[in-house]
C-alpha cells in the first residue's frame, strides 16, 4: 500500500472520528531541535523539568521506539469542544477553550487507537503507537513537516483555513512513509497582535515564549504561587489563557467574531454573582472533593492547590469582597497563606 493509499484510507474516516486534517512525515531529526535546546538552556521552560528530560527522545525517537520510522499527524478542533462534560463543576470562571470538556489526553488517544486498529489489520507485522503531548514528542515540529500548519509568532500551529484551535496527536509507525509534502509558508507576516496582547509579556519575540510568565503555565503547570508583580496581570483567568490565539487574525477569520479578546471580561452583576459562586465552591471545598469533581477534566492537572491558588488571584483581581470569609479561612494554609493575605489586602484597597 502506497502512502497515498494510506492517506485515502484515513481520509475516509476523518469526519467520523472528528479529525479536521492530517498528514505524515518521516521521523528525521526535528527541524526545530536546536531552538528547543537553547530554549531549555535559557530556563524558559520554568519548572517543567520533563521537557528537559524528554529532549534526547525528541531528538531521536528510535532511542525509545526502535522500529519507529514515520509519524501520522492528526489535528482535531476543540472549539466548540467535541467532548463536553455535562456536569462540569464550574460554569462561570474563565477557563481556556481547550479545557472546557473532558481531558483530550484520553479521548483523543482513543480515537487514534481506532485508526491504529484499522491499520494493524492491514499491516499485521507493523507497529502503530498513538501519542498526545504527554509523550516525549515534538508535535508542532512534526505537524509542520506533515503540512498541518506553520508555527506562528504565538508558538502555536496555525492553518489558514482551520486557525489554531485544535489538538495535535501522532501515530508513530514502523512503516516507511516517504512524502513530498511541502510545509506551509509562514503567513504571520508583520502582524504582532499575539505579542502585543499578552498581559504578562510572555512572548519575548516571535516564536519565543518565556513559560515562567505565561498565564497558562502560571495557572496550570506551575506548582508555585506566582510572583506578586505577575498576579494582577493574570486578570480573571482561572485556568489557562487564550488571548494570543483568539486575537490572531487567522482565528478571527475562521471563527468570525465568536472569540473573546478582552483581557478582563465585562460582567453584569448577575454574571459576577455566578462567578463568585464558582470561586466560593473552589475555595471552600476539600482537596478530596475537588479531585473527585474534576476527575477526567484538564482542570485536574492543577490539583486542589492550583485551583485554590487560581481562585484567590481571580477574587483579588475582580474585587469579589463577598468572598472575604472564604479567603480568611486560608490564611493559615502552609502554601497559600501569603497569597490569601495578599488577596485580602487587595479586597480592602479601594484604590486598586
C-alpha atoms as a PDB file:
ATOM      1  CA  UNK A   1       0.000   0.000   0.000  1.00  0.00           C
ATOM      2  CA  UNK A   2       1.416   3.386  -1.033  1.00  0.00           C
ATOM      3  CA  UNK A   3       1.437   6.475   1.214  1.00  0.00           C
ATOM      4  CA  UNK A   4      -1.316   7.927  -0.981  1.00  0.00           C
ATOM      5  CA  UNK A   5      -3.466   4.802  -0.456  1.00  0.00           C
ATOM      6  CA  UNK A   6      -2.944   5.053   3.297  1.00  0.00           C
ATOM      7  CA  UNK A   7      -3.939   8.717   3.135  1.00  0.00           C
ATOM      8  CA  UNK A   8      -7.096   7.809   1.222  1.00  0.00           C
ATOM      9  CA  UNK A   9      -7.938   5.121   3.788  1.00  0.00           C
ATOM     10  CA  UNK A  10      -7.621   7.563   6.688  1.00  0.00           C
ATOM     11  CA  UNK A  11      -9.417  10.345   4.790  1.00  0.00           C
ATOM     12  CA  UNK A  12     -12.477   8.095   4.618  1.00  0.00           C
ATOM     13  CA  UNK A  13     -12.654   8.006   8.414  1.00  0.00           C
ATOM     14  CA  UNK A  14     -11.556  11.560   9.213  1.00  0.00           C
ATOM     15  CA  UNK A  15     -15.020  13.030   9.608  1.00  0.00           C
ATOM     16  CA  UNK A  16     -16.380  10.133  11.670  1.00  0.00           C
ATOM     17  CA  UNK A  17     -13.505  10.495  14.133  1.00  0.00           C
ATOM     18  CA  UNK A  18     -13.753  14.280  14.273  1.00  0.00           C
ATOM     19  CA  UNK A  19     -10.312  14.978  12.796  1.00  0.00           C
ATOM     20  CA  UNK A  20     -10.071  18.172  10.766  1.00  0.00           C
ATOM     21  CA  UNK A  21      -6.869  17.386   8.859  1.00  0.00           C
ATOM     22  CA  UNK A  22      -3.874  15.083   8.944  1.00  0.00           C
ATOM     23  CA  UNK A  23      -0.578  14.347   7.233  1.00  0.00           C
ATOM     24  CA  UNK A  24       2.519  12.203   7.621  1.00  0.00           C
ATOM     25  CA  UNK A  25       6.261  12.644   7.700  1.00  0.00           C
ATOM     26  CA  UNK A  26       9.465  10.688   8.201  1.00  0.00           C
ATOM     27  CA  UNK A  27      10.885  10.673  11.737  1.00  0.00           C
ATOM     28  CA  UNK A  28      14.032  12.593  10.903  1.00  0.00           C
ATOM     29  CA  UNK A  29      15.809  14.867  13.367  1.00  0.00           C
ATOM     30  CA  UNK A  30      13.349  17.680  14.241  1.00  0.00           C
ATOM     31  CA  UNK A  31      13.868  20.898  12.320  1.00  0.00           C
ATOM     32  CA  UNK A  32      13.440  22.965  15.480  1.00  0.00           C
ATOM     33  CA  UNK A  33      15.564  20.879  17.831  1.00  0.00           C
ATOM     34  CA  UNK A  34      18.455  23.340  18.192  1.00  0.00           C
ATOM     35  CA  UNK A  35      15.958  26.085  19.045  1.00  0.00           C
ATOM     36  CA  UNK A  36      14.347  23.745  21.579  1.00  0.00           C
ATOM     37  CA  UNK A  37      17.728  23.007  23.200  1.00  0.00           C
ATOM     38  CA  UNK A  38      18.616  26.681  23.521  1.00  0.00           C
ATOM     39  CA  UNK A  39      15.149  27.452  24.929  1.00  0.00           C
ATOM     40  CA  UNK A  40      15.678  24.813  27.618  1.00  0.00           C
ATOM     41  CA  UNK A  41      19.223  26.036  28.303  1.00  0.00           C
ATOM     42  CA  UNK A  42      17.871  29.549  28.960  1.00  0.00           C
ATOM     43  CA  UNK A  43      15.467  28.139  31.558  1.00  0.00           C
ATOM     44  CA  UNK A  44      12.443  29.490  29.687  1.00  0.00           C
ATOM     45  CA  UNK A  45      10.580  26.221  30.372  1.00  0.00           C
ATOM     46  CA  UNK A  46      10.261  27.078  34.061  1.00  0.00           C
ATOM     47  CA  UNK A  47       9.750  24.111  36.375  1.00  0.00           C
ATOM     48  CA  UNK A  48       8.675  21.780  33.573  1.00  0.00           C
ATOM     49  CA  UNK A  49      11.733  19.565  34.010  1.00  0.00           C
ATOM     50  CA  UNK A  50      10.135  16.794  31.991  1.00  0.00           C
ATOM     51  CA  UNK A  51      10.691  18.918  28.870  1.00  0.00           C
ATOM     52  CA  UNK A  52      14.413  18.783  29.590  1.00  0.00           C
ATOM     53  CA  UNK A  53      14.337  15.069  30.407  1.00  0.00           C
ATOM     54  CA  UNK A  54      12.479  14.291  27.168  1.00  0.00           C
ATOM     55  CA  UNK A  55      14.975  16.089  24.917  1.00  0.00           C
ATOM     56  CA  UNK A  56      17.067  13.021  23.894  1.00  0.00           C
ATOM     57  CA  UNK A  57      13.944  11.091  22.876  1.00  0.00           C
ATOM     58  CA  UNK A  58      12.552  14.064  20.991  1.00  0.00           C
ATOM     59  CA  UNK A  59      15.828  14.359  19.094  1.00  0.00           C
ATOM     60  CA  UNK A  60      15.907  10.652  18.250  1.00  0.00           C
ATOM     61  CA  UNK A  61      12.560   8.832  18.706  1.00  0.00           C
ATOM     62  CA  UNK A  62      14.200   5.490  17.843  1.00  0.00           C
ATOM     63  CA  UNK A  63      16.121   5.665  21.128  1.00  0.00           C
ATOM     64  CA  UNK A  64      12.815   4.750  22.811  1.00  0.00           C
ATOM     65  CA  UNK A  65      10.845   3.236  19.919  1.00  0.00           C
ATOM     66  CA  UNK A  66      13.456   1.395  17.789  1.00  0.00           C
ATOM     67  CA  UNK A  67      11.061   0.459  14.990  1.00  0.00           C
ATOM     68  CA  UNK A  68       9.564   3.924  14.515  1.00  0.00           C
ATOM     69  CA  UNK A  69      10.169   5.253  11.012  1.00  0.00           C
ATOM     70  CA  UNK A  70       7.315   7.660  10.298  1.00  0.00           C
ATOM     71  CA  UNK A  71       4.609   9.688  12.016  1.00  0.00           C
ATOM     72  CA  UNK A  72       0.970  10.116  11.060  1.00  0.00           C
ATOM     73  CA  UNK A  73      -0.059  13.501  12.485  1.00  0.00           C
ATOM     74  CA  UNK A  74      -3.679  14.386  13.274  1.00  0.00           C
ATOM     75  CA  UNK A  75      -5.498  17.580  14.213  1.00  0.00           C
ATOM     76  CA  UNK A  76      -8.870  17.748  15.953  1.00  0.00           C
ATOM     77  CA  UNK A  77     -10.671  21.042  16.726  1.00  0.00           C
ATOM     78  CA  UNK A  78     -11.509  21.924  20.330  1.00  0.00           C
ATOM     79  CA  UNK A  79     -13.820  24.843  19.641  1.00  0.00           C
ATOM     80  CA  UNK A  80     -16.596  24.053  20.055  1.00  0.00           C
ATOM     81  CA  UNK A  81     -15.371  21.317  22.380  1.00  0.00           C
ATOM     82  CA  UNK A  82     -16.032  17.832  20.933  1.00  0.00           C
ATOM     83  CA  UNK A  83     -16.203  16.056  24.319  1.00  0.00           C
ATOM     84  CA  UNK A  84     -18.283  18.246  26.604  1.00  0.00           C
ATOM     85  CA  UNK A  85     -18.789  17.225  30.224  1.00  0.00           C
ATOM     86  CA  UNK A  86     -22.445  17.735  31.084  1.00  0.00           C
ATOM     87  CA  UNK A  87     -21.814  18.168  34.805  1.00  0.00           C
ATOM     88  CA  UNK A  88     -18.726  20.387  34.533  1.00  0.00           C
ATOM     89  CA  UNK A  89     -18.144  21.591  38.114  1.00  0.00           C
ATOM     90  CA  UNK A  90     -17.797  25.293  37.240  1.00  0.00           C
ATOM     91  CA  UNK A  91     -19.616  27.201  34.529  1.00  0.00           C
ATOM     92  CA  UNK A  92     -18.713  30.844  35.012  1.00  0.00           C
ATOM     93  CA  UNK A  93     -15.000  31.029  35.853  1.00  0.00           C
ATOM     94  CA  UNK A  94     -12.832  31.935  32.863  1.00  0.00           C
ATOM     95  CA  UNK A  95     -11.333  28.714  31.542  1.00  0.00           C
ATOM     96  CA  UNK A  96      -9.248  28.203  28.402  1.00  0.00           C
ATOM     97  CA  UNK A  97     -11.295  26.885  25.463  1.00  0.00           C
ATOM     98  CA  UNK A  98      -9.385  23.604  25.216  1.00  0.00           C
ATOM     99  CA  UNK A  99     -10.185  22.768  28.850  1.00  0.00           C
ATOM    100  CA  UNK A 100     -13.964  23.177  28.686  1.00  0.00           C
ATOM    101  CA  UNK A 101     -14.669  19.467  28.453  1.00  0.00           C
ATOM    102  CA  UNK A 102     -13.084  16.095  29.073  1.00  0.00           C
ATOM    103  CA  UNK A 103      -9.307  15.691  29.063  1.00  0.00           C
ATOM    104  CA  UNK A 104      -8.131  15.246  25.470  1.00  0.00           C
ATOM    105  CA  UNK A 105      -5.232  13.029  26.537  1.00  0.00           C
ATOM    106  CA  UNK A 106      -7.780  10.236  26.961  1.00  0.00           C
ATOM    107  CA  UNK A 107     -10.451  10.615  24.283  1.00  0.00           C
ATOM    108  CA  UNK A 108      -8.097  11.831  21.542  1.00  0.00           C
ATOM    109  CA  UNK A 109      -5.825   8.855  22.116  1.00  0.00           C
ATOM    110  CA  UNK A 110      -8.858   6.540  21.955  1.00  0.00           C
ATOM    111  CA  UNK A 111      -9.734   7.908  18.528  1.00  0.00           C
ATOM    112  CA  UNK A 112      -6.199   7.423  17.274  1.00  0.00           C
ATOM    113  CA  UNK A 113      -6.245   3.895  18.688  1.00  0.00           C
ATOM    114  CA  UNK A 114      -9.152   3.102  16.395  1.00  0.00           C
ATOM    115  CA  UNK A 115      -7.015   4.228  13.446  1.00  0.00           C
ATOM    116  CA  UNK A 116      -4.170   2.059  14.738  1.00  0.00           C
ATOM    117  CA  UNK A 117      -6.500  -0.927  14.899  1.00  0.00           C
ATOM    118  CA  UNK A 118      -7.604  -0.461  11.277  1.00  0.00           C
ATOM    119  CA  UNK A 119      -4.026  -0.099  10.072  1.00  0.00           C
ATOM    120  CA  UNK A 120      -2.874  -3.081  12.134  1.00  0.00           C
ATOM    121  CA  UNK A 121      -5.411  -5.276  10.350  1.00  0.00           C
ATOM    122  CA  UNK A 122      -3.909  -4.250   7.005  1.00  0.00           C
ATOM    123  CA  UNK A 123      -0.287  -4.370   8.203  1.00  0.00           C
ATOM    124  CA  UNK A 124      -0.175  -7.053  10.929  1.00  0.00           C
ATOM    125  CA  UNK A 125       3.638  -7.103  11.050  1.00  0.00           C
ATOM    126  CA  UNK A 126       3.986  -3.349  11.514  1.00  0.00           C
ATOM    127  CA  UNK A 127       3.874  -1.212  14.660  1.00  0.00           C
ATOM    128  CA  UNK A 128       1.451   1.658  15.382  1.00  0.00           C
ATOM    129  CA  UNK A 129       1.768   3.735  18.567  1.00  0.00           C
ATOM    130  CA  UNK A 130      -0.596   6.661  19.357  1.00  0.00           C
ATOM    131  CA  UNK A 131       0.648   9.713  21.300  1.00  0.00           C
ATOM    132  CA  UNK A 132      -0.610  13.029  22.623  1.00  0.00           C
ATOM    133  CA  UNK A 133       1.520  15.830  24.049  1.00  0.00           C
ATOM    134  CA  UNK A 134       2.042  13.993  27.345  1.00  0.00           C
ATOM    135  CA  UNK A 135       4.572  11.827  25.486  1.00  0.00           C
ATOM    136  CA  UNK A 136       8.120  12.940  24.530  1.00  0.00           C
ATOM    137  CA  UNK A 137       7.168  14.151  21.064  1.00  0.00           C
ATOM    138  CA  UNK A 138       7.975  17.478  19.359  1.00  0.00           C
ATOM    139  CA  UNK A 139       4.499  17.560  17.921  1.00  0.00           C
ATOM    140  CA  UNK A 140       4.449  21.039  16.373  1.00  0.00           C
ATOM    141  CA  UNK A 141       7.654  20.230  14.536  1.00  0.00           C
ATOM    142  CA  UNK A 142       6.117  17.018  13.203  1.00  0.00           C
ATOM    143  CA  UNK A 143       2.850  18.742  12.363  1.00  0.00           C
ATOM    144  CA  UNK A 144       4.659  21.461  10.423  1.00  0.00           C
ATOM    145  CA  UNK A 145       6.623  18.885   8.434  1.00  0.00           C
ATOM    146  CA  UNK A 146       3.398  16.954   7.778  1.00  0.00           C
ATOM    147  CA  UNK A 147       1.790  20.056   6.268  1.00  0.00           C
ATOM    148  CA  UNK A 148      -0.745  20.730   9.055  1.00  0.00           C
ATOM    149  CA  UNK A 149       0.239  24.377   9.504  1.00  0.00           C
ATOM    150  CA  UNK A 150       3.048  26.789  10.296  1.00  0.00           C
ATOM    151  CA  UNK A 151       4.326  27.750  13.742  1.00  0.00           C
ATOM    152  CA  UNK A 152       3.055  31.252  14.460  1.00  0.00           C
ATOM    153  CA  UNK A 153       4.591  34.046  16.468  1.00  0.00           C
ATOM    154  CA  UNK A 154       2.454  32.861  19.416  1.00  0.00           C
ATOM    155  CA  UNK A 155       4.274  29.465  19.193  1.00  0.00           C
ATOM    156  CA  UNK A 156       1.032  27.711  18.161  1.00  0.00           C
ATOM    157  CA  UNK A 157       0.469  25.774  14.944  1.00  0.00           C
ATOM    158  CA  UNK A 158      -1.749  27.762  12.568  1.00  0.00           C
ATOM    159  CA  UNK A 159      -3.588  26.613   9.440  1.00  0.00           C
ATOM    160  CA  UNK A 160      -5.016  29.230   7.059  1.00  0.00           C
ATOM    161  CA  UNK A 161      -8.417  27.502   6.870  1.00  0.00           C
ATOM    162  CA  UNK A 162      -8.541  25.869  10.321  1.00  0.00           C
ATOM    163  CA  UNK A 163      -6.985  28.523  12.569  1.00  0.00           C
ATOM    164  CA  UNK A 164      -5.109  27.183  15.600  1.00  0.00           C
ATOM    165  CA  UNK A 165      -7.788  25.970  17.996  1.00  0.00           C
ATOM    166  CA  UNK A 166      -7.049  22.281  17.538  1.00  0.00           C
ATOM    167  CA  UNK A 167      -5.219  19.488  19.337  1.00  0.00           C
ATOM    168  CA  UNK A 168      -2.356  17.643  17.694  1.00  0.00           C
ATOM    169  CA  UNK A 169      -1.766  13.908  18.053  1.00  0.00           C
ATOM    170  CA  UNK A 170       0.568  11.412  16.431  1.00  0.00           C
ATOM    171  CA  UNK A 171       0.808   7.771  15.476  1.00  0.00           C
ATOM    172  CA  UNK A 172       4.375   6.533  15.253  1.00  0.00           C
ATOM    173  CA  UNK A 173       4.711   3.628  12.857  1.00  0.00           C
ATOM    174  CA  UNK A 174       7.349   1.256  11.551  1.00  0.00           C
ATOM    175  CA  UNK A 175       6.020   1.913   8.032  1.00  0.00           C
ATOM    176  CA  UNK A 176       8.387   3.953   5.896  1.00  0.00           C
ATOM    177  CA  UNK A 177       6.197   6.710   4.511  1.00  0.00           C
ATOM    178  CA  UNK A 178       8.002   8.930   2.051  1.00  0.00           C
ATOM    179  CA  UNK A 179       6.205  12.154   1.314  1.00  0.00           C
ATOM    180  CA  UNK A 180       6.745  15.168  -0.875  1.00  0.00           C
ATOM    181  CA  UNK A 181       4.581  17.390   1.347  1.00  0.00           C
ATOM    182  CA  UNK A 182       5.885  20.942   1.437  1.00  0.00           C
ATOM    183  CA  UNK A 183       5.499  22.680   4.815  1.00  0.00           C
ATOM    184  CA  UNK A 184       3.037  25.570   4.630  1.00  0.00           C
ATOM    185  CA  UNK A 185       4.606  29.026   4.326  1.00  0.00           C
ATOM    186  CA  UNK A 186       4.581  31.294   7.378  1.00  0.00           C
ATOM    187  CA  UNK A 187       1.620  33.627   6.855  1.00  0.00           C
ATOM    188  CA  UNK A 188       2.051  35.691  10.043  1.00  0.00           C
ATOM    189  CA  UNK A 189       3.632  38.495   8.032  1.00  0.00           C
ATOM    190  CA  UNK A 190       4.205  41.693  10.005  1.00  0.00           C
ATOM    191  CA  UNK A 191       1.328  41.032  12.431  1.00  0.00           C
ATOM    192  CA  UNK A 192       2.264  41.156  16.137  1.00  0.00           C
ATOM    193  CA  UNK A 193      -1.198  41.058  17.731  1.00  0.00           C
ATOM    194  CA  UNK A 194      -0.400  37.961  19.790  1.00  0.00           C
ATOM    195  CA  UNK A 195       2.773  39.517  21.180  1.00  0.00           C
ATOM    196  CA  UNK A 196       1.056  42.838  21.852  1.00  0.00           C
ATOM    197  CA  UNK A 197      -1.941  41.417  23.734  1.00  0.00           C
ATOM    198  CA  UNK A 198      -0.094  39.075  26.128  1.00  0.00           C
ATOM    199  CA  UNK A 199      -0.866  40.511  29.597  1.00  0.00           C
ATOM    200  CA  UNK A 200       2.421  39.366  31.135  1.00  0.00           C
ATOM    201  CA  UNK A 201       4.764  39.879  28.180  1.00  0.00           C
ATOM    202  CA  UNK A 202       5.459  36.153  27.984  1.00  0.00           C
ATOM    203  CA  UNK A 203       6.070  36.312  24.216  1.00  0.00           C
ATOM    204  CA  UNK A 204       9.584  37.766  24.272  1.00  0.00           C
ATOM    205  CA  UNK A 205       9.816  37.852  20.491  1.00  0.00           C
ATOM    206  CA  UNK A 206       8.209  35.931  17.604  1.00  0.00           C
ATOM    207  CA  UNK A 207       8.041  32.192  18.421  1.00  0.00           C
ATOM    208  CA  UNK A 208       9.996  32.609  21.693  1.00  0.00           C
ATOM    209  CA  UNK A 209       7.987  32.332  24.886  1.00  0.00           C
ATOM    210  CA  UNK A 210       9.055  32.640  28.500  1.00  0.00           C
ATOM    211  CA  UNK A 211       6.812  29.991  30.051  1.00  0.00           C
ATOM    212  CA  UNK A 212       7.545  31.419  33.505  1.00  0.00           C
ATOM    213  CA  UNK A 213       5.423  34.451  32.592  1.00  0.00           C
ATOM    214  CA  UNK A 214       2.705  32.659  30.606  1.00  0.00           C
ATOM    215  CA  UNK A 215      -0.710  32.697  32.304  1.00  0.00           C
ATOM    216  CA  UNK A 216      -1.366  29.136  31.155  1.00  0.00           C
ATOM    217  CA  UNK A 217       1.849  27.993  32.836  1.00  0.00           C
ATOM    218  CA  UNK A 218       1.164  30.028  35.983  1.00  0.00           C
ATOM    219  CA  UNK A 219      -2.368  28.640  36.386  1.00  0.00           C
ATOM    220  CA  UNK A 220      -1.839  25.053  35.177  1.00  0.00           C
ATOM    221  CA  UNK A 221       1.705  23.708  35.119  1.00  0.00           C
ATOM    222  CA  UNK A 222       3.297  25.690  37.942  1.00  0.00           C
ATOM    223  CA  UNK A 223       3.198  24.275  41.445  1.00  0.00           C
ATOM    224  CA  UNK A 224       4.115  27.632  42.963  1.00  0.00           C
ATOM    225  CA  UNK A 225       2.340  30.870  43.837  1.00  0.00           C
ATOM    226  CA  UNK A 226       3.123  33.483  41.147  1.00  0.00           C
ATOM    227  CA  UNK A 227       5.393  36.387  41.948  1.00  0.00           C
ATOM    228  CA  UNK A 228       3.437  39.332  43.335  1.00  0.00           C
ATOM    229  CA  UNK A 229       4.062  41.535  40.299  1.00  0.00           C
ATOM    230  CA  UNK A 230       2.519  38.911  37.973  1.00  0.00           C
ATOM    231  CA  UNK A 231      -0.694  38.363  39.960  1.00  0.00           C
ATOM    232  CA  UNK A 232      -2.625  41.437  38.764  1.00  0.00           C
ATOM    233  CA  UNK A 233      -1.674  40.642  35.154  1.00  0.00           C
ATOM    234  CA  UNK A 234      -3.441  37.279  35.355  1.00  0.00           C
ATOM    235  CA  UNK A 235      -6.701  39.185  35.499  1.00  0.00           C
ATOM    236  CA  UNK A 236      -9.751  36.919  35.684  1.00  0.00           C
ATOM    237  CA  UNK A 237      -8.179  33.876  34.025  1.00  0.00           C
ATOM    238  CA  UNK A 238      -8.959  30.955  36.339  1.00  0.00           C
ATOM    239  CA  UNK A 239      -7.376  28.208  34.219  1.00  0.00           C
ATOM    240  CA  UNK A 240      -5.249  28.843  31.168  1.00  0.00           C
ATOM    241  CA  UNK A 241      -5.384  31.766  28.726  1.00  0.00           C
ATOM    242  CA  UNK A 242      -6.405  32.010  25.063  1.00  0.00           C
ATOM    243  CA  UNK A 243      -5.607  35.625  24.204  1.00  0.00           C
ATOM    244  CA  UNK A 244      -2.595  35.042  21.938  1.00  0.00           C
ATOM    245  CA  UNK A 245      -4.787  32.689  19.879  1.00  0.00           C
ATOM    246  CA  UNK A 246      -8.174  34.398  19.947  1.00  0.00           C
ATOM    247  CA  UNK A 247      -6.640  37.705  18.803  1.00  0.00           C
ATOM    248  CA  UNK A 248      -4.943  36.007  15.837  1.00  0.00           C
ATOM    249  CA  UNK A 249      -6.436  37.223  12.516  1.00  0.00           C
ATOM    250  CA  UNK A 250      -6.474  33.658  11.199  1.00  0.00           C
ATOM    251  CA  UNK A 251      -8.695  32.532  14.090  1.00  0.00           C
ATOM    252  CA  UNK A 252     -10.822  35.660  13.779  1.00  0.00           C
ATOM    253  CA  UNK A 253     -11.305  34.800  10.106  1.00  0.00           C
ATOM    254  CA  UNK A 254     -12.209  31.155  10.769  1.00  0.00           C
ATOM    255  CA  UNK A 255     -14.476  31.785  13.763  1.00  0.00           C
ATOM    256  CA  UNK A 256     -15.961  35.067  12.540  1.00  0.00           C
ATOM    257  CA  UNK A 257     -16.137  37.137  15.717  1.00  0.00           C
ATOM    258  CA  UNK A 258     -17.040  34.307  18.116  1.00  0.00           C
ATOM    259  CA  UNK A 259     -13.771  34.609  20.068  1.00  0.00           C
ATOM    260  CA  UNK A 260     -13.292  36.912  23.051  1.00  0.00           C
ATOM    261  CA  UNK A 261     -10.174  39.097  23.164  1.00  0.00           C
ATOM    262  CA  UNK A 262     -10.887  41.054  26.374  1.00  0.00           C
ATOM    263  CA  UNK A 263      -8.062  40.950  28.910  1.00  0.00           C
ATOM    264  CA  UNK A 264     -10.722  41.093  31.635  1.00  0.00           C
ATOM    265  CA  UNK A 265     -14.338  40.194  30.945  1.00  0.00           C
ATOM    266  CA  UNK A 266     -17.098  42.763  31.381  1.00  0.00           C
ATOM    267  CA  UNK A 267     -19.682  41.134  33.646  1.00  0.00           C
ATOM    268  CA  UNK A 268     -23.060  42.359  34.805  1.00  0.00           C
ATOM    269  CA  UNK A 269     -23.978  41.911  38.469  1.00  0.00           C
ATOM    270  CA  UNK A 270     -25.756  38.613  37.816  1.00  0.00           C
ATOM    271  CA  UNK A 271     -22.785  37.104  35.963  1.00  0.00           C
ATOM    272  CA  UNK A 272     -20.368  38.329  38.610  1.00  0.00           C
ATOM    273  CA  UNK A 273     -22.530  36.719  41.290  1.00  0.00           C
ATOM    274  CA  UNK A 274     -22.412  33.400  39.416  1.00  0.00           C
ATOM    275  CA  UNK A 275     -18.627  33.709  39.105  1.00  0.00           C
ATOM    276  CA  UNK A 276     -18.407  34.307  42.862  1.00  0.00           C
ATOM    277  CA  UNK A 277     -20.446  31.125  43.420  1.00  0.00           C
ATOM    278  CA  UNK A 278     -17.929  29.135  41.361  1.00  0.00           C
ATOM    279  CA  UNK A 279     -14.963  30.554  43.265  1.00  0.00           C
ATOM    280  CA  UNK A 280     -16.645  30.088  46.633  1.00  0.00           C
ATOM    281  CA  UNK A 281     -17.105  26.420  45.782  1.00  0.00           C
ATOM    282  CA  UNK A 282     -13.407  26.123  44.872  1.00  0.00           C
ATOM    283  CA  UNK A 283     -12.149  27.919  47.992  1.00  0.00           C
ATOM    284  CA  UNK A 284     -14.399  26.091  50.445  1.00  0.00           C
ATOM    285  CA  UNK A 285     -14.236  22.539  49.053  1.00  0.00           C
ATOM    286  CA  UNK A 286     -11.827  19.932  50.369  1.00  0.00           C
ATOM    287  CA  UNK A 287      -8.971  18.733  48.226  1.00  0.00           C
ATOM    288  CA  UNK A 288     -10.588  15.313  48.073  1.00  0.00           C
ATOM    289  CA  UNK A 289     -13.861  16.756  46.751  1.00  0.00           C
ATOM    290  CA  UNK A 290     -12.117  18.868  44.107  1.00  0.00           C
ATOM    291  CA  UNK A 291     -10.099  15.866  42.960  1.00  0.00           C
ATOM    292  CA  UNK A 292     -13.297  13.836  42.627  1.00  0.00           C
ATOM    293  CA  UNK A 293     -15.323  16.583  40.938  1.00  0.00           C
ATOM    294  CA  UNK A 294     -12.673  17.454  38.345  1.00  0.00           C
ATOM    295  CA  UNK A 295     -11.562  13.901  37.620  1.00  0.00           C
ATOM    296  CA  UNK A 296     -11.284  13.325  33.883  1.00  0.00           C
ATOM    297  CA  UNK A 297     -11.060  17.030  33.028  1.00  0.00           C
ATOM    298  CA  UNK A 298      -7.946  19.109  32.226  1.00  0.00           C
ATOM    299  CA  UNK A 299      -8.507  21.122  35.422  1.00  0.00           C
ATOM    300  CA  UNK A 300      -7.487  18.096  37.477  1.00  0.00           C
ATOM    301  CA  UNK A 301      -3.901  18.813  36.397  1.00  0.00           C
ATOM    302  CA  UNK A 302      -3.721  21.893  38.618  1.00  0.00           C
ATOM    303  CA  UNK A 303      -4.707  19.883  41.699  1.00  0.00           C
ATOM    304  CA  UNK A 304      -6.617  21.342  44.609  1.00  0.00           C
ATOM    305  CA  UNK A 305      -3.702  23.635  45.496  1.00  0.00           C
ATOM    306  CA  UNK A 306      -3.579  25.090  41.981  1.00  0.00           C
ATOM    307  CA  UNK A 307      -7.351  25.552  41.780  1.00  0.00           C
ATOM    308  CA  UNK A 308      -7.484  27.365  45.127  1.00  0.00           C
ATOM    309  CA  UNK A 309      -4.440  29.459  44.189  1.00  0.00           C
ATOM    310  CA  UNK A 310      -6.090  30.498  40.940  1.00  0.00           C
ATOM    311  CA  UNK A 311      -9.366  31.274  42.694  1.00  0.00           C
ATOM    312  CA  UNK A 312      -7.618  33.577  45.174  1.00  0.00           C
ATOM    313  CA  UNK A 313      -5.989  35.534  42.360  1.00  0.00           C
ATOM    314  CA  UNK A 314      -9.284  35.967  40.487  1.00  0.00           C
ATOM    315  CA  UNK A 315     -11.047  37.004  43.698  1.00  0.00           C
ATOM    316  CA  UNK A 316      -8.409  39.691  44.227  1.00  0.00           C
ATOM    317  CA  UNK A 317      -8.389  40.943  40.650  1.00  0.00           C
ATOM    318  CA  UNK A 318     -12.177  41.086  40.359  1.00  0.00           C
ATOM    319  CA  UNK A 319     -12.542  42.564  43.854  1.00  0.00           C
ATOM    320  CA  UNK A 320     -15.068  39.940  44.999  1.00  0.00           C
ATOM    321  CA  UNK A 321     -15.343  41.262  48.537  1.00  0.00           C
ATOM    322  CA  UNK A 322     -18.218  38.959  49.435  1.00  0.00           C
ATOM    323  CA  UNK A 323     -15.706  36.078  49.442  1.00  0.00           C
ATOM    324  CA  UNK A 324     -13.552  37.603  52.194  1.00  0.00           C
ATOM    325  CA  UNK A 325     -14.520  34.910  54.710  1.00  0.00           C
ATOM    326  CA  UNK A 326     -13.545  32.103  52.335  1.00  0.00           C
ATOM    327  CA  UNK A 327     -10.209  33.849  51.754  1.00  0.00           C
ATOM    328  CA  UNK A 328      -9.612  34.306  55.505  1.00  0.00           C
ATOM    329  CA  UNK A 329     -10.102  30.572  56.013  1.00  0.00           C
ATOM    330  CA  UNK A 330      -6.882  30.016  54.019  1.00  0.00           C
ATOM    331  CA  UNK A 331      -4.670  32.427  55.982  1.00  0.00           C
ATOM    332  CA  UNK A 332      -3.054  29.561  57.890  1.00  0.00           C
ATOM    333  CA  UNK A 333      -2.597  27.379  54.821  1.00  0.00           C
ATOM    334  CA  UNK A 334       1.031  26.306  54.518  1.00  0.00           C
ATOM    335  CA  UNK A 335       1.405  27.216  50.812  1.00  0.00           C
ATOM    336  CA  UNK A 336      -1.500  29.613  50.262  1.00  0.00           C
ATOM    337  CA  UNK A 337      -1.348  31.721  53.408  1.00  0.00           C
ATOM    338  CA  UNK A 338       0.711  34.549  51.899  1.00  0.00           C
ATOM    339  CA  UNK A 339      -1.486  34.656  48.800  1.00  0.00           C
ATOM    340  CA  UNK A 340      -4.637  34.747  50.949  1.00  0.00           C
ATOM    341  CA  UNK A 341      -3.155  37.668  52.892  1.00  0.00           C
ATOM    342  CA  UNK A 342      -2.336  39.484  49.625  1.00  0.00           C
ATOM    343  CA  UNK A 343      -5.877  38.836  48.366  1.00  0.00           C
ATOM    344  CA  UNK A 344      -7.425  40.321  51.500  1.00  0.00           C
ATOM    345  CA  UNK A 345      -5.213  43.375  51.160  1.00  0.00           C
ATOM    346  CA  UNK A 346      -6.406  43.864  47.579  1.00  0.00           C
ATOM    347  CA  UNK A 347     -10.019  43.454  48.623  1.00  0.00           C
ATOM    348  CA  UNK A 348      -9.568  46.109  51.297  1.00  0.00           C
ATOM    349  CA  UNK A 349      -7.835  48.579  48.983  1.00  0.00           C
ATOM    350  CA  UNK A 350     -10.464  50.692  47.239  1.00  0.00           C
ATOM    351  CA  UNK A 351      -7.821  52.311  45.041  1.00  0.00           C
ATOM    352  CA  UNK A 352      -6.825  49.097  43.274  1.00  0.00           C
END
